């Protein structure tokens, strides 16, 4: 793995030209059929999802979506989903459960949208409902953290049997700027926060939060996107093949126990 500081990895994870969920769907899947709306309140462009073929197998693919331009970012709310986005994702996951399709998610978000309107529409409940429902799915779930994975906004698509993470992606309870603002009342200390948050892929692999680190080309996935997406494809295909050998009950129980175990060893070491 390249020797970058945590702050440098955050910068790479946020690079505007880094491959996004649209790029991954175009490169790795065929016959993608996008589905819209949560059947309750509306459509959220920050979550992209639908049905596709993955190496000939029907799957449900869902991801948080950021734009490339200002106009695209505005349409996608800068990758910060509203309750409608999470409910859309849940609708697609329940559909996948009904028709026995594996679920593959791509996570790249600074977090759920924190605005007053989102809170009034049930943001907290929508995220909690996804965590609850995902924990009991009896189909394989593979999550790939491709850029930023911050807060419950990321975890709402991340309760998976296998959580994979690109080498320069980051995954944390909140952004380094938010962490520094809370801990030191000074967002300017965000680089210092990066160093203590344990948000990099190597850190999280050691802690057992993720299951595998996907290597990136030197300089980041945006430097050689085809190579990066090829590495993602190989990792997803391998882990999915392993999960398809398990029955539904084992998949649900294994996923539940996986998340229940997180942090247990750390507590024993540091009472």
C-alpha atoms as a PDB file:
ATOM      1  CA  UNK A   1       0.000   0.000   0.000  1.00  0.00           C
ATOM      2  CA  UNK A   2       1.151   3.507  -0.739  1.00  0.00           C
ATOM      3  CA  UNK A   3       2.562   5.421   2.214  1.00  0.00           C
ATOM      4  CA  UNK A   4       0.176   8.335   2.548  1.00  0.00           C
ATOM      5  CA  UNK A   5      -0.772  10.129   5.722  1.00  0.00           C
ATOM      6  CA  UNK A   6      -4.409   9.850   6.865  1.00  0.00           C
ATOM      7  CA  UNK A   7      -4.995  13.483   5.850  1.00  0.00           C
ATOM      8  CA  UNK A   8      -3.588  12.769   2.382  1.00  0.00           C
ATOM      9  CA  UNK A   9      -5.895   9.772   2.022  1.00  0.00           C
ATOM     10  CA  UNK A  10      -8.866  11.959   2.904  1.00  0.00           C
ATOM     11  CA  UNK A  11      -7.818  14.361   0.141  1.00  0.00           C
ATOM     12  CA  UNK A  12      -7.539  11.497  -2.369  1.00  0.00           C
ATOM     13  CA  UNK A  13     -10.909  10.076  -1.275  1.00  0.00           C
ATOM     14  CA  UNK A  14     -12.503  13.475  -1.975  1.00  0.00           C
ATOM     15  CA  UNK A  15     -10.866  14.030  -5.363  1.00  0.00           C
ATOM     16  CA  UNK A  16     -13.580  15.305  -7.732  1.00  0.00           C
ATOM     17  CA  UNK A  17     -12.467  12.996 -10.567  1.00  0.00           C
ATOM     18  CA  UNK A  18     -12.533   9.844  -8.441  1.00  0.00           C
ATOM     19  CA  UNK A  19     -14.779   7.135 -10.004  1.00  0.00           C
ATOM     20  CA  UNK A  20     -18.329   7.342  -8.681  1.00  0.00           C
ATOM     21  CA  UNK A  21     -21.246   4.924  -8.538  1.00  0.00           C
ATOM     22  CA  UNK A  22     -22.333   5.815 -12.081  1.00  0.00           C
ATOM     23  CA  UNK A  23     -18.891   4.898 -13.396  1.00  0.00           C
ATOM     24  CA  UNK A  24     -18.876   1.591 -11.513  1.00  0.00           C
ATOM     25  CA  UNK A  25     -22.318   0.645 -12.798  1.00  0.00           C
ATOM     26  CA  UNK A  26     -21.313   1.452 -16.383  1.00  0.00           C
ATOM     27  CA  UNK A  27     -18.042  -0.502 -16.095  1.00  0.00           C
ATOM     28  CA  UNK A  28     -19.032  -3.560 -14.038  1.00  0.00           C
ATOM     29  CA  UNK A  29     -22.697  -4.245 -14.791  1.00  0.00           C
ATOM     30  CA  UNK A  30     -24.874  -4.765 -17.845  1.00  0.00           C
ATOM     31  CA  UNK A  31     -28.571  -4.180 -18.507  1.00  0.00           C
ATOM     32  CA  UNK A  32     -28.901  -1.724 -15.638  1.00  0.00           C
ATOM     33  CA  UNK A  33     -32.503  -0.656 -15.088  1.00  0.00           C
ATOM     34  CA  UNK A  34     -32.740   2.321 -12.754  1.00  0.00           C
ATOM     35  CA  UNK A  35     -35.645   2.518 -10.330  1.00  0.00           C
ATOM     36  CA  UNK A  36     -36.928   5.771  -8.878  1.00  0.00           C
ATOM     37  CA  UNK A  37     -38.813   6.897  -5.805  1.00  0.00           C
ATOM     38  CA  UNK A  38     -39.511   5.589  -2.331  1.00  0.00           C
ATOM     39  CA  UNK A  39     -43.275   5.092  -2.936  1.00  0.00           C
ATOM     40  CA  UNK A  40     -43.906   7.440  -0.045  1.00  0.00           C
ATOM     41  CA  UNK A  41     -42.611  10.972  -0.468  1.00  0.00           C
ATOM     42  CA  UNK A  42     -40.540  11.323  -3.616  1.00  0.00           C
ATOM     43  CA  UNK A  43     -37.299  10.790  -5.492  1.00  0.00           C
ATOM     44  CA  UNK A  44     -33.784  11.522  -4.201  1.00  0.00           C
ATOM     45  CA  UNK A  45     -30.988  11.891  -6.746  1.00  0.00           C
ATOM     46  CA  UNK A  46     -28.345  11.279  -4.072  1.00  0.00           C
ATOM     47  CA  UNK A  47     -29.154   7.555  -4.164  1.00  0.00           C
ATOM     48  CA  UNK A  48     -28.887   5.631  -7.430  1.00  0.00           C
ATOM     49  CA  UNK A  49     -30.288   2.128  -7.577  1.00  0.00           C
ATOM     50  CA  UNK A  50     -31.797  -0.537  -9.745  1.00  0.00           C
ATOM     51  CA  UNK A  51     -31.539  -4.009 -11.199  1.00  0.00           C
ATOM     52  CA  UNK A  52     -28.608  -5.189 -13.308  1.00  0.00           C
ATOM     53  CA  UNK A  53     -26.674  -8.215 -14.444  1.00  0.00           C
ATOM     54  CA  UNK A  54     -23.319  -8.863 -12.806  1.00  0.00           C
ATOM     55  CA  UNK A  55     -21.346 -11.430 -14.800  1.00  0.00           C
ATOM     56  CA  UNK A  56     -24.704 -12.770 -15.975  1.00  0.00           C
ATOM     57  CA  UNK A  57     -26.319 -12.933 -12.526  1.00  0.00           C
ATOM     58  CA  UNK A  58     -29.264 -10.670 -11.649  1.00  0.00           C
ATOM     59  CA  UNK A  59     -28.366  -8.349  -8.769  1.00  0.00           C
ATOM     60  CA  UNK A  60     -29.650  -5.214  -7.111  1.00  0.00           C
ATOM     61  CA  UNK A  61     -27.097  -2.408  -7.127  1.00  0.00           C
ATOM     62  CA  UNK A  62     -27.433   0.732  -4.991  1.00  0.00           C
ATOM     63  CA  UNK A  63     -25.049   3.598  -4.327  1.00  0.00           C
ATOM     64  CA  UNK A  64     -24.743   7.112  -3.031  1.00  0.00           C
ATOM     65  CA  UNK A  65     -24.201   9.498  -5.922  1.00  0.00           C
ATOM     66  CA  UNK A  66     -22.142  12.677  -6.194  1.00  0.00           C
ATOM     67  CA  UNK A  67     -21.928  14.834  -9.291  1.00  0.00           C
ATOM     68  CA  UNK A  68     -18.987  16.075 -11.335  1.00  0.00           C
ATOM     69  CA  UNK A  69     -20.243  19.574 -12.025  1.00  0.00           C
ATOM     70  CA  UNK A  70     -21.987  22.144  -9.852  1.00  0.00           C
ATOM     71  CA  UNK A  71     -25.282  21.369 -11.587  1.00  0.00           C
ATOM     72  CA  UNK A  72     -24.900  17.631 -11.009  1.00  0.00           C
ATOM     73  CA  UNK A  73     -23.902  18.179  -7.396  1.00  0.00           C
ATOM     74  CA  UNK A  74     -27.012  20.261  -6.829  1.00  0.00           C
ATOM     75  CA  UNK A  75     -29.213  17.562  -8.373  1.00  0.00           C
ATOM     76  CA  UNK A  76     -27.559  14.962  -6.127  1.00  0.00           C
ATOM     77  CA  UNK A  77     -27.452  17.233  -3.070  1.00  0.00           C
ATOM     78  CA  UNK A  78     -23.664  16.758  -3.043  1.00  0.00           C
ATOM     79  CA  UNK A  79     -24.107  13.048  -2.287  1.00  0.00           C
ATOM     80  CA  UNK A  80     -26.021  13.621   0.970  1.00  0.00           C
ATOM     81  CA  UNK A  81     -29.197  11.510   0.893  1.00  0.00           C
ATOM     82  CA  UNK A  82     -32.545  12.566   2.296  1.00  0.00           C
ATOM     83  CA  UNK A  83     -35.012  10.168   3.967  1.00  0.00           C
ATOM     84  CA  UNK A  84     -36.515   9.502   0.531  1.00  0.00           C
ATOM     85  CA  UNK A  85     -33.132   8.239  -0.668  1.00  0.00           C
ATOM     86  CA  UNK A  86     -32.752   5.779   2.184  1.00  0.00           C
ATOM     87  CA  UNK A  87     -36.340   4.604   1.805  1.00  0.00           C
ATOM     88  CA  UNK A  88     -35.746   4.088  -1.913  1.00  0.00           C
ATOM     89  CA  UNK A  89     -32.683   1.993  -1.093  1.00  0.00           C
ATOM     90  CA  UNK A  90     -34.705  -0.039   1.409  1.00  0.00           C
ATOM     91  CA  UNK A  91     -37.476  -0.588  -1.140  1.00  0.00           C
ATOM     92  CA  UNK A  92     -34.926  -1.980  -3.585  1.00  0.00           C
ATOM     93  CA  UNK A  93     -33.344  -4.208  -0.928  1.00  0.00           C
ATOM     94  CA  UNK A  94     -36.731  -5.660   0.023  1.00  0.00           C
ATOM     95  CA  UNK A  95     -37.398  -6.269  -3.651  1.00  0.00           C
ATOM     96  CA  UNK A  96     -34.032  -8.056  -3.880  1.00  0.00           C
ATOM     97  CA  UNK A  97     -35.011 -10.200  -0.899  1.00  0.00           C
ATOM     98  CA  UNK A  98     -38.314 -11.146  -2.548  1.00  0.00           C
ATOM     99  CA  UNK A  99     -36.680 -12.175  -5.823  1.00  0.00           C
ATOM    100  CA  UNK A 100     -33.507 -13.656  -4.235  1.00  0.00           C
ATOM    101  CA  UNK A 101     -31.086 -11.194  -5.828  1.00  0.00           C
ATOM    102  CA  UNK A 102     -27.740 -10.379  -4.155  1.00  0.00           C
ATOM    103  CA  UNK A 103     -27.323  -6.733  -3.131  1.00  0.00           C
ATOM    104  CA  UNK A 104     -24.179  -4.749  -4.007  1.00  0.00           C
ATOM    105  CA  UNK A 105     -23.811  -1.236  -2.601  1.00  0.00           C
ATOM    106  CA  UNK A 106     -21.322   1.523  -3.385  1.00  0.00           C
ATOM    107  CA  UNK A 107     -20.726   4.078  -0.637  1.00  0.00           C
ATOM    108  CA  UNK A 108     -19.338   7.573  -1.180  1.00  0.00           C
ATOM    109  CA  UNK A 109     -20.987  10.211   0.987  1.00  0.00           C
ATOM    110  CA  UNK A 110     -19.991  12.888   3.464  1.00  0.00           C
ATOM    111  CA  UNK A 111     -23.084  11.837   5.414  1.00  0.00           C
ATOM    112  CA  UNK A 112     -26.857  12.054   5.390  1.00  0.00           C
ATOM    113  CA  UNK A 113     -28.318  15.472   4.687  1.00  0.00           C
ATOM    114  CA  UNK A 114     -28.571  17.235   8.084  1.00  0.00           C
ATOM    115  CA  UNK A 115     -31.083  19.939   7.166  1.00  0.00           C
ATOM    116  CA  UNK A 116     -34.254  20.791   9.051  1.00  0.00           C
ATOM    117  CA  UNK A 117     -36.440  19.491   6.218  1.00  0.00           C
ATOM    118  CA  UNK A 118     -34.735  16.091   6.285  1.00  0.00           C
ATOM    119  CA  UNK A 119     -35.150  15.845  10.047  1.00  0.00           C
ATOM    120  CA  UNK A 120     -38.825  16.768   9.753  1.00  0.00           C
ATOM    121  CA  UNK A 121     -39.278  13.972   7.186  1.00  0.00           C
ATOM    122  CA  UNK A 122     -37.754  11.363   9.501  1.00  0.00           C
ATOM    123  CA  UNK A 123     -34.055  11.196   8.649  1.00  0.00           C
ATOM    124  CA  UNK A 124     -33.086   9.370  11.830  1.00  0.00           C
ATOM    125  CA  UNK A 125     -35.889   6.834  11.497  1.00  0.00           C
ATOM    126  CA  UNK A 126     -35.086   6.186   7.833  1.00  0.00           C
ATOM    127  CA  UNK A 127     -31.449   5.412   8.636  1.00  0.00           C
ATOM    128  CA  UNK A 128     -32.337   3.281  11.653  1.00  0.00           C
ATOM    129  CA  UNK A 129     -34.900   1.361   9.608  1.00  0.00           C
ATOM    130  CA  UNK A 130     -32.244   0.522   7.003  1.00  0.00           C
ATOM    131  CA  UNK A 131     -29.855  -0.728   9.676  1.00  0.00           C
ATOM    132  CA  UNK A 132     -32.588  -2.910  11.153  1.00  0.00           C
ATOM    133  CA  UNK A 133     -33.866  -4.313   7.877  1.00  0.00           C
ATOM    134  CA  UNK A 134     -30.420  -4.884   6.328  1.00  0.00           C
ATOM    135  CA  UNK A 135     -29.328  -6.907   9.336  1.00  0.00           C
ATOM    136  CA  UNK A 136     -31.950  -9.555   8.589  1.00  0.00           C
ATOM    137  CA  UNK A 137     -31.728  -9.862   4.783  1.00  0.00           C
ATOM    138  CA  UNK A 138     -31.320 -13.478   3.679  1.00  0.00           C
ATOM    139  CA  UNK A 139     -29.536 -12.626   0.427  1.00  0.00           C
ATOM    140  CA  UNK A 140     -25.807 -11.851   0.116  1.00  0.00           C
ATOM    141  CA  UNK A 141     -24.913  -8.196   0.686  1.00  0.00           C
ATOM    142  CA  UNK A 142     -21.546  -6.771  -0.416  1.00  0.00           C
ATOM    143  CA  UNK A 143     -20.709  -3.128   0.337  1.00  0.00           C
ATOM    144  CA  UNK A 144     -17.846  -1.241  -1.313  1.00  0.00           C
ATOM    145  CA  UNK A 145     -16.594   2.034   0.189  1.00  0.00           C
ATOM    146  CA  UNK A 146     -15.211   3.889  -2.799  1.00  0.00           C
ATOM    147  CA  UNK A 147     -14.569   7.395  -1.434  1.00  0.00           C
ATOM    148  CA  UNK A 148     -15.885   8.882   1.779  1.00  0.00           C
ATOM    149  CA  UNK A 149     -18.057   6.837   4.097  1.00  0.00           C
ATOM    150  CA  UNK A 150     -19.144   9.134   6.895  1.00  0.00           C
ATOM    151  CA  UNK A 151     -21.644   8.709   9.694  1.00  0.00           C
ATOM    152  CA  UNK A 152     -24.927   6.826   9.687  1.00  0.00           C
ATOM    153  CA  UNK A 153     -25.479   8.152   6.204  1.00  0.00           C
ATOM    154  CA  UNK A 154     -22.873   5.651   5.002  1.00  0.00           C
ATOM    155  CA  UNK A 155     -23.768   2.850   7.408  1.00  0.00           C
ATOM    156  CA  UNK A 156     -27.358   2.877   6.108  1.00  0.00           C
ATOM    157  CA  UNK A 157     -25.972   1.124   3.005  1.00  0.00           C
ATOM    158  CA  UNK A 158     -23.123  -0.640   4.799  1.00  0.00           C
ATOM    159  CA  UNK A 159     -24.675  -3.406   6.934  1.00  0.00           C
ATOM    160  CA  UNK A 160     -23.208  -6.078   4.690  1.00  0.00           C
ATOM    161  CA  UNK A 161     -21.826  -9.592   4.892  1.00  0.00           C
ATOM    162  CA  UNK A 162     -18.629  -8.279   3.357  1.00  0.00           C
ATOM    163  CA  UNK A 163     -17.469  -4.670   3.614  1.00  0.00           C
ATOM    164  CA  UNK A 164     -14.748  -3.860   1.074  1.00  0.00           C
ATOM    165  CA  UNK A 165     -12.831  -0.610   0.964  1.00  0.00           C
ATOM    166  CA  UNK A 166     -10.617   0.999  -1.615  1.00  0.00           C
ATOM    167  CA  UNK A 167      -7.098   1.669  -0.426  1.00  0.00           C
ATOM    168  CA  UNK A 168      -7.501   5.440  -0.291  1.00  0.00           C
ATOM    169  CA  UNK A 169     -11.128   5.569   0.830  1.00  0.00           C
ATOM    170  CA  UNK A 170     -12.048   6.665   4.364  1.00  0.00           C
ATOM    171  CA  UNK A 171     -14.777   5.402   6.707  1.00  0.00           C
ATOM    172  CA  UNK A 172     -15.641   7.145   9.959  1.00  0.00           C
ATOM    173  CA  UNK A 173     -18.317   8.323  12.369  1.00  0.00           C
ATOM    174  CA  UNK A 174     -18.172  11.834  10.871  1.00  0.00           C
ATOM    175  CA  UNK A 175     -15.912  14.071   8.814  1.00  0.00           C
ATOM    176  CA  UNK A 176     -12.511  15.122  10.210  1.00  0.00           C
ATOM    177  CA  UNK A 177     -13.734  18.731  10.172  1.00  0.00           C
ATOM    178  CA  UNK A 178     -16.754  17.794  12.258  1.00  0.00           C
ATOM    179  CA  UNK A 179     -14.623  15.733  14.613  1.00  0.00           C
ATOM    180  CA  UNK A 180     -12.214  18.630  15.162  1.00  0.00           C
ATOM    181  CA  UNK A 181     -15.092  21.065  15.677  1.00  0.00           C
ATOM    182  CA  UNK A 182     -16.615  18.875  18.386  1.00  0.00           C
ATOM    183  CA  UNK A 183     -13.409  17.830  20.129  1.00  0.00           C
ATOM    184  CA  UNK A 184     -11.397  21.053  19.941  1.00  0.00           C
ATOM    185  CA  UNK A 185     -13.976  23.635  18.770  1.00  0.00           C
ATOM    186  CA  UNK A 186     -11.656  24.256  15.831  1.00  0.00           C
ATOM    187  CA  UNK A 187     -12.340  22.788  12.389  1.00  0.00           C
ATOM    188  CA  UNK A 188      -8.913  23.989  11.219  1.00  0.00           C
ATOM    189  CA  UNK A 189      -7.382  21.091  13.159  1.00  0.00           C
ATOM    190  CA  UNK A 190      -8.963  18.579  10.764  1.00  0.00           C
ATOM    191  CA  UNK A 191      -5.595  17.177   9.634  1.00  0.00           C
ATOM    192  CA  UNK A 192      -4.738  16.414  13.249  1.00  0.00           C
ATOM    193  CA  UNK A 193      -8.142  14.744  13.596  1.00  0.00           C
ATOM    194  CA  UNK A 194      -7.381  12.504  10.612  1.00  0.00           C
ATOM    195  CA  UNK A 195      -4.410  11.126  12.496  1.00  0.00           C
ATOM    196  CA  UNK A 196      -6.395   9.936  15.503  1.00  0.00           C
ATOM    197  CA  UNK A 197      -9.725   8.890  13.998  1.00  0.00           C
ATOM    198  CA  UNK A 198      -8.547   5.527  12.571  1.00  0.00           C
ATOM    199  CA  UNK A 199     -10.454   6.208   9.378  1.00  0.00           C
ATOM    200  CA  UNK A 200      -8.120   4.687   6.785  1.00  0.00           C
ATOM    201  CA  UNK A 201      -8.507   1.272   5.175  1.00  0.00           C
ATOM    202  CA  UNK A 202      -5.401  -0.234   6.860  1.00  0.00           C
ATOM    203  CA  UNK A 203      -6.613   0.957  10.276  1.00  0.00           C
ATOM    204  CA  UNK A 204     -10.113  -0.386   9.784  1.00  0.00           C
ATOM    205  CA  UNK A 205      -8.884  -3.733   8.489  1.00  0.00           C
ATOM    206  CA  UNK A 206      -6.810  -4.163  11.664  1.00  0.00           C
ATOM    207  CA  UNK A 207      -9.828  -3.232  13.790  1.00  0.00           C
ATOM    208  CA  UNK A 208     -12.073  -5.722  11.991  1.00  0.00           C
ATOM    209  CA  UNK A 209     -14.504  -3.066  10.759  1.00  0.00           C
ATOM    210  CA  UNK A 210     -13.921  -3.986   7.102  1.00  0.00           C
ATOM    211  CA  UNK A 211     -13.129  -7.322   5.492  1.00  0.00           C
ATOM    212  CA  UNK A 212     -10.772  -6.444   2.651  1.00  0.00           C
ATOM    213  CA  UNK A 213      -8.748  -3.577   1.190  1.00  0.00           C
ATOM    214  CA  UNK A 214      -8.859  -3.138  -2.586  1.00  0.00           C
ATOM    215  CA  UNK A 215      -5.569  -1.769  -3.964  1.00  0.00           C
ATOM    216  CA  UNK A 216      -5.549   1.409  -6.035  1.00  0.00           C
ATOM    217  CA  UNK A 217      -3.160   2.608  -8.737  1.00  0.00           C
ATOM    218  CA  UNK A 218      -0.350   4.870  -7.562  1.00  0.00           C
ATOM    219  CA  UNK A 219      -1.830   8.314  -7.033  1.00  0.00           C
ATOM    220  CA  UNK A 220      -5.390   7.098  -6.551  1.00  0.00           C
ATOM    221  CA  UNK A 221      -8.284   5.551  -8.455  1.00  0.00           C
ATOM    222  CA  UNK A 222      -8.813   8.714 -10.518  1.00  0.00           C
ATOM    223  CA  UNK A 223      -5.338   8.368 -12.073  1.00  0.00           C
ATOM    224  CA  UNK A 224      -6.155   5.011 -13.701  1.00  0.00           C
ATOM    225  CA  UNK A 225      -9.892   4.421 -13.270  1.00  0.00           C
ATOM    226  CA  UNK A 226     -10.028   1.351 -15.510  1.00  0.00           C
ATOM    227  CA  UNK A 227      -7.414  -0.423 -13.382  1.00  0.00           C
ATOM    228  CA  UNK A 228      -9.162   0.621 -10.174  1.00  0.00           C
ATOM    229  CA  UNK A 229     -12.542  -0.620 -11.366  1.00  0.00           C
ATOM    230  CA  UNK A 230     -10.957  -3.883 -12.486  1.00  0.00           C
ATOM    231  CA  UNK A 231      -9.625  -4.397  -8.958  1.00  0.00           C
ATOM    232  CA  UNK A 232     -13.067  -3.660  -7.524  1.00  0.00           C
ATOM    233  CA  UNK A 233     -14.639  -6.135  -9.933  1.00  0.00           C
ATOM    234  CA  UNK A 234     -12.262  -8.921  -8.930  1.00  0.00           C
ATOM    235  CA  UNK A 235     -12.813  -8.315  -5.225  1.00  0.00           C
ATOM    236  CA  UNK A 236     -16.601  -8.145  -5.448  1.00  0.00           C
ATOM    237  CA  UNK A 237     -16.774 -11.208  -7.656  1.00  0.00           C
ATOM    238  CA  UNK A 238     -14.619 -13.259  -5.279  1.00  0.00           C
ATOM    239  CA  UNK A 239     -16.502 -12.301  -2.124  1.00  0.00           C
ATOM    240  CA  UNK A 240     -19.893 -12.695  -3.751  1.00  0.00           C
ATOM    241  CA  UNK A 241     -18.996 -16.192  -4.973  1.00  0.00           C
ATOM    242  CA  UNK A 242     -18.099 -17.167  -1.400  1.00  0.00           C
ATOM    243  CA  UNK A 243     -21.354 -15.775  -0.004  1.00  0.00           C
ATOM    244  CA  UNK A 244     -23.494 -17.523  -2.617  1.00  0.00           C
ATOM    245  CA  UNK A 245     -22.422 -20.852  -1.102  1.00  0.00           C
ATOM    246  CA  UNK A 246     -24.240 -20.000   2.141  1.00  0.00           C
ATOM    247  CA  UNK A 247     -27.952 -20.360   2.831  1.00  0.00           C
ATOM    248  CA  UNK A 248     -30.166 -17.429   3.759  1.00  0.00           C
ATOM    249  CA  UNK A 249     -30.303 -18.144   7.470  1.00  0.00           C
ATOM    250  CA  UNK A 250     -26.516 -18.330   7.697  1.00  0.00           C
ATOM    251  CA  UNK A 251     -26.139 -15.089   5.740  1.00  0.00           C
ATOM    252  CA  UNK A 252     -28.479 -13.169   8.041  1.00  0.00           C
ATOM    253  CA  UNK A 253     -26.985 -14.606  11.232  1.00  0.00           C
ATOM    254  CA  UNK A 254     -23.427 -14.087  10.053  1.00  0.00           C
ATOM    255  CA  UNK A 255     -24.120 -10.460   9.163  1.00  0.00           C
ATOM    256  CA  UNK A 256     -25.789  -9.817  12.518  1.00  0.00           C
ATOM    257  CA  UNK A 257     -22.975 -11.400  14.512  1.00  0.00           C
ATOM    258  CA  UNK A 258     -20.332  -9.612  12.453  1.00  0.00           C
ATOM    259  CA  UNK A 259     -21.602  -6.228  13.583  1.00  0.00           C
ATOM    260  CA  UNK A 260     -22.277  -7.364  17.137  1.00  0.00           C
ATOM    261  CA  UNK A 261     -18.614  -8.368  17.486  1.00  0.00           C
ATOM    262  CA  UNK A 262     -17.244  -5.002  16.387  1.00  0.00           C
ATOM    263  CA  UNK A 263     -15.467  -3.247  19.235  1.00  0.00           C
ATOM    264  CA  UNK A 264     -15.630  -6.177  21.651  1.00  0.00           C
ATOM    265  CA  UNK A 265     -11.900  -6.908  21.452  1.00  0.00           C
ATOM    266  CA  UNK A 266     -11.013  -3.216  21.813  1.00  0.00           C
ATOM    267  CA  UNK A 267     -13.055  -2.962  25.002  1.00  0.00           C
ATOM    268  CA  UNK A 268     -11.227  -5.925  26.519  1.00  0.00           C
ATOM    269  CA  UNK A 269      -7.829  -4.458  25.694  1.00  0.00           C
ATOM    270  CA  UNK A 270      -8.689  -0.989  26.984  1.00  0.00           C
ATOM    271  CA  UNK A 271     -11.115  -1.350  29.922  1.00  0.00           C
END
